[in-house]
């Protein structure tokens, strides 16, 4: 009998309101919206081992072709999805094509209340910055 090798386990913790989040509802309302949500979840899972950064190795991100291959989606769909995610502030594209998932701390970590507090604090700072620009 062959010995099986098991990888490291990671988990993604979703609140029961995940599918009612405004950004997820926007994604779902689009043509092929459910595919956008499934792709997002696949990418979330893939980024867990790098603390919310989607990358092949330290400092080097996946190409669109690579993302299409690992998620079983065509390149044009992946490209459009990433543009949509970026416009909804779900992701940030960092240098060398590393993708950072902005709300990842809500899905992993020791305390969801602490993550919520951090998110609210970050949103407050962003709002204050926008008000100062006006």
C-alpha atoms as a PDB file:
ATOM      1  CA  UNK A   1       0.000   0.000   0.000  1.00  0.00           C
ATOM      2  CA  UNK A   2       1.287   3.444  -0.950  1.00  0.00           C
ATOM      3  CA  UNK A   3       1.896   5.993   1.746  1.00  0.00           C
ATOM      4  CA  UNK A   4      -0.118   9.201   1.349  1.00  0.00           C
ATOM      5  CA  UNK A   5       1.394  12.564   2.031  1.00  0.00           C
ATOM      6  CA  UNK A   6      -0.896  15.073   3.606  1.00  0.00           C
ATOM      7  CA  UNK A   7      -0.340  18.796   3.360  1.00  0.00           C
ATOM      8  CA  UNK A   8      -0.776  21.354   6.050  1.00  0.00           C
ATOM      9  CA  UNK A   9      -4.365  22.219   6.929  1.00  0.00           C
ATOM     10  CA  UNK A  10      -5.633  25.783   6.768  1.00  0.00           C
ATOM     11  CA  UNK A  11      -9.122  26.958   7.483  1.00  0.00           C
ATOM     12  CA  UNK A  12     -11.261  29.831   6.361  1.00  0.00           C
ATOM     13  CA  UNK A  13     -13.794  31.035   8.900  1.00  0.00           C
ATOM     14  CA  UNK A  14     -16.824  32.750   7.372  1.00  0.00           C
ATOM     15  CA  UNK A  15     -19.488  34.569   9.335  1.00  0.00           C
ATOM     16  CA  UNK A  16     -23.024  33.412   8.689  1.00  0.00           C
ATOM     17  CA  UNK A  17     -23.641  36.831   7.125  1.00  0.00           C
ATOM     18  CA  UNK A  18     -20.826  36.439   4.552  1.00  0.00           C
ATOM     19  CA  UNK A  19     -23.213  36.025   1.625  1.00  0.00           C
ATOM     20  CA  UNK A  20     -25.198  39.091   2.752  1.00  0.00           C
ATOM     21  CA  UNK A  21     -22.180  41.395   2.743  1.00  0.00           C
ATOM     22  CA  UNK A  22     -22.740  44.305   0.336  1.00  0.00           C
ATOM     23  CA  UNK A  23     -19.693  43.442  -1.785  1.00  0.00           C
ATOM     24  CA  UNK A  24     -20.670  39.778  -2.103  1.00  0.00           C
ATOM     25  CA  UNK A  25     -24.225  40.775  -3.030  1.00  0.00           C
ATOM     26  CA  UNK A  26     -22.820  43.085  -5.721  1.00  0.00           C
ATOM     27  CA  UNK A  27     -20.691  40.245  -7.086  1.00  0.00           C
ATOM     28  CA  UNK A  28     -23.619  37.830  -7.099  1.00  0.00           C
ATOM     29  CA  UNK A  29     -25.839  40.329  -8.924  1.00  0.00           C
ATOM     30  CA  UNK A  30     -23.447  40.431 -11.893  1.00  0.00           C
ATOM     31  CA  UNK A  31     -23.569  38.147 -14.876  1.00  0.00           C
ATOM     32  CA  UNK A  32     -21.621  35.024 -13.792  1.00  0.00           C
ATOM     33  CA  UNK A  33     -21.692  36.467 -10.278  1.00  0.00           C
ATOM     34  CA  UNK A  34     -21.693  33.140  -8.503  1.00  0.00           C
ATOM     35  CA  UNK A  35     -18.522  32.216 -10.389  1.00  0.00           C
ATOM     36  CA  UNK A  36     -16.902  35.424  -9.115  1.00  0.00           C
ATOM     37  CA  UNK A  37     -17.770  34.483  -5.534  1.00  0.00           C
ATOM     38  CA  UNK A  38     -16.481  30.912  -5.928  1.00  0.00           C
ATOM     39  CA  UNK A  39     -13.242  32.199  -7.477  1.00  0.00           C
ATOM     40  CA  UNK A  40     -12.859  34.672  -4.613  1.00  0.00           C
ATOM     41  CA  UNK A  41     -13.269  31.876  -2.059  1.00  0.00           C
ATOM     42  CA  UNK A  42     -10.741  29.699  -3.894  1.00  0.00           C
ATOM     43  CA  UNK A  43      -8.244  32.567  -3.881  1.00  0.00           C
ATOM     44  CA  UNK A  44      -8.927  33.298  -0.202  1.00  0.00           C
ATOM     45  CA  UNK A  45      -8.109  29.677   0.604  1.00  0.00           C
ATOM     46  CA  UNK A  46      -4.971  29.750  -1.527  1.00  0.00           C
ATOM     47  CA  UNK A  47      -3.748  32.904   0.247  1.00  0.00           C
ATOM     48  CA  UNK A  48      -4.138  31.564   3.787  1.00  0.00           C
ATOM     49  CA  UNK A  49      -0.635  30.157   4.049  1.00  0.00           C
ATOM     50  CA  UNK A  50       0.788  33.611   3.252  1.00  0.00           C
ATOM     51  CA  UNK A  51      -1.448  35.625   5.613  1.00  0.00           C
ATOM     52  CA  UNK A  52      -3.796  36.930   2.947  1.00  0.00           C
ATOM     53  CA  UNK A  53      -1.242  37.343   0.171  1.00  0.00           C
ATOM     54  CA  UNK A  54      -1.671  35.274  -2.962  1.00  0.00           C
ATOM     55  CA  UNK A  55       1.832  34.386  -4.069  1.00  0.00           C
ATOM     56  CA  UNK A  56       3.884  31.538  -5.465  1.00  0.00           C
ATOM     57  CA  UNK A  57       6.819  32.284  -3.209  1.00  0.00           C
ATOM     58  CA  UNK A  58       7.886  35.197  -1.041  1.00  0.00           C
ATOM     59  CA  UNK A  59       7.508  38.394  -3.054  1.00  0.00           C
ATOM     60  CA  UNK A  60       6.392  36.720  -6.311  1.00  0.00           C
ATOM     61  CA  UNK A  61       2.735  36.551  -7.264  1.00  0.00           C
ATOM     62  CA  UNK A  62       0.811  34.320  -9.598  1.00  0.00           C
ATOM     63  CA  UNK A  63       0.261  35.360 -13.201  1.00  0.00           C
ATOM     64  CA  UNK A  64      -3.287  35.499 -14.535  1.00  0.00           C
ATOM     65  CA  UNK A  65      -2.540  32.358 -16.534  1.00  0.00           C
ATOM     66  CA  UNK A  66      -1.383  30.558 -13.380  1.00  0.00           C
ATOM     67  CA  UNK A  67      -4.476  31.641 -11.439  1.00  0.00           C
ATOM     68  CA  UNK A  68      -6.646  30.398 -14.296  1.00  0.00           C
ATOM     69  CA  UNK A  69      -4.868  27.061 -14.227  1.00  0.00           C
ATOM     70  CA  UNK A  70      -5.124  26.448 -10.491  1.00  0.00           C
ATOM     71  CA  UNK A  71      -8.761  27.573 -10.311  1.00  0.00           C
ATOM     72  CA  UNK A  72      -9.928  26.026 -13.596  1.00  0.00           C
ATOM     73  CA  UNK A  73     -11.036  29.351 -15.086  1.00  0.00           C
ATOM     74  CA  UNK A  74     -10.045  30.956 -18.372  1.00  0.00           C
ATOM     75  CA  UNK A  75      -7.640  33.882 -18.307  1.00  0.00           C
ATOM     76  CA  UNK A  76     -10.154  36.478 -19.505  1.00  0.00           C
ATOM     77  CA  UNK A  77     -12.534  35.560 -16.671  1.00  0.00           C
ATOM     78  CA  UNK A  78      -9.727  35.757 -14.088  1.00  0.00           C
ATOM     79  CA  UNK A  79      -8.555  39.120 -15.409  1.00  0.00           C
ATOM     80  CA  UNK A  80     -12.069  40.566 -15.274  1.00  0.00           C
ATOM     81  CA  UNK A  81     -12.657  39.108 -11.799  1.00  0.00           C
ATOM     82  CA  UNK A  82      -9.461  40.666 -10.429  1.00  0.00           C
ATOM     83  CA  UNK A  83     -10.461  44.044 -11.875  1.00  0.00           C
ATOM     84  CA  UNK A  84     -13.863  43.764 -10.192  1.00  0.00           C
ATOM     85  CA  UNK A  85     -12.351  42.664  -6.866  1.00  0.00           C
ATOM     86  CA  UNK A  86      -9.963  45.601  -6.992  1.00  0.00           C
ATOM     87  CA  UNK A  87     -12.778  48.063  -7.790  1.00  0.00           C
ATOM     88  CA  UNK A  88     -14.707  46.734  -4.750  1.00  0.00           C
ATOM     89  CA  UNK A  89     -11.575  47.051  -2.564  1.00  0.00           C
ATOM     90  CA  UNK A  90     -11.565  43.320  -1.904  1.00  0.00           C
ATOM     91  CA  UNK A  91      -7.956  43.114  -3.101  1.00  0.00           C
ATOM     92  CA  UNK A  92      -4.887  45.228  -3.644  1.00  0.00           C
ATOM     93  CA  UNK A  93      -2.346  44.356  -6.311  1.00  0.00           C
ATOM     94  CA  UNK A  94       1.106  44.740  -4.788  1.00  0.00           C
ATOM     95  CA  UNK A  95       4.462  44.684  -6.546  1.00  0.00           C
ATOM     96  CA  UNK A  96       5.403  41.577  -8.535  1.00  0.00           C
ATOM     97  CA  UNK A  97       1.710  40.643  -8.994  1.00  0.00           C
ATOM     98  CA  UNK A  98       1.232  39.701  -5.344  1.00  0.00           C
ATOM     99  CA  UNK A  99      -2.458  40.006  -4.506  1.00  0.00           C
ATOM    100  CA  UNK A 100      -3.421  41.031  -0.983  1.00  0.00           C
ATOM    101  CA  UNK A 101      -6.932  40.293   0.307  1.00  0.00           C
ATOM    102  CA  UNK A 102      -7.963  43.314   2.373  1.00  0.00           C
ATOM    103  CA  UNK A 103     -10.415  41.620   4.734  1.00  0.00           C
ATOM    104  CA  UNK A 104      -8.476  38.415   5.349  1.00  0.00           C
ATOM    105  CA  UNK A 105      -8.075  39.162   9.064  1.00  0.00           C
ATOM    106  CA  UNK A 106     -11.838  38.680   9.361  1.00  0.00           C
ATOM    107  CA  UNK A 107     -11.555  35.096   8.165  1.00  0.00           C
ATOM    108  CA  UNK A 108      -8.552  33.870  10.152  1.00  0.00           C
ATOM    109  CA  UNK A 109      -7.000  34.645  13.498  1.00  0.00           C
ATOM    110  CA  UNK A 110      -7.785  34.284  17.129  1.00  0.00           C
ATOM    111  CA  UNK A 111     -10.712  36.598  17.634  1.00  0.00           C
ATOM    112  CA  UNK A 112     -13.430  37.727  15.276  1.00  0.00           C
ATOM    113  CA  UNK A 113     -14.298  40.626  17.580  1.00  0.00           C
ATOM    114  CA  UNK A 114     -10.689  41.849  17.415  1.00  0.00           C
ATOM    115  CA  UNK A 115     -10.727  41.568  13.618  1.00  0.00           C
ATOM    116  CA  UNK A 116     -14.002  43.496  13.460  1.00  0.00           C
ATOM    117  CA  UNK A 117     -12.512  46.213  15.682  1.00  0.00           C
ATOM    118  CA  UNK A 118      -9.468  46.458  13.396  1.00  0.00           C
ATOM    119  CA  UNK A 119     -11.666  46.662  10.312  1.00  0.00           C
ATOM    120  CA  UNK A 120     -13.844  49.392  11.815  1.00  0.00           C
ATOM    121  CA  UNK A 121     -10.760  51.343  12.855  1.00  0.00           C
ATOM    122  CA  UNK A 122      -9.262  51.060   9.366  1.00  0.00           C
ATOM    123  CA  UNK A 123     -12.528  52.162   7.729  1.00  0.00           C
ATOM    124  CA  UNK A 124     -12.744  55.149  10.102  1.00  0.00           C
ATOM    125  CA  UNK A 125      -9.211  56.233   9.149  1.00  0.00           C
ATOM    126  CA  UNK A 126     -10.014  55.926   5.439  1.00  0.00           C
ATOM    127  CA  UNK A 127     -13.195  57.961   5.902  1.00  0.00           C
ATOM    128  CA  UNK A 128     -11.300  60.667   7.797  1.00  0.00           C
ATOM    129  CA  UNK A 129      -8.668  60.832   5.051  1.00  0.00           C
ATOM    130  CA  UNK A 130     -11.363  61.246   2.407  1.00  0.00           C
ATOM    131  CA  UNK A 131     -13.032  64.010   4.395  1.00  0.00           C
ATOM    132  CA  UNK A 132      -9.717  65.850   4.737  1.00  0.00           C
ATOM    133  CA  UNK A 133      -9.228  65.789   0.964  1.00  0.00           C
ATOM    134  CA  UNK A 134     -12.526  67.577   0.411  1.00  0.00           C
END
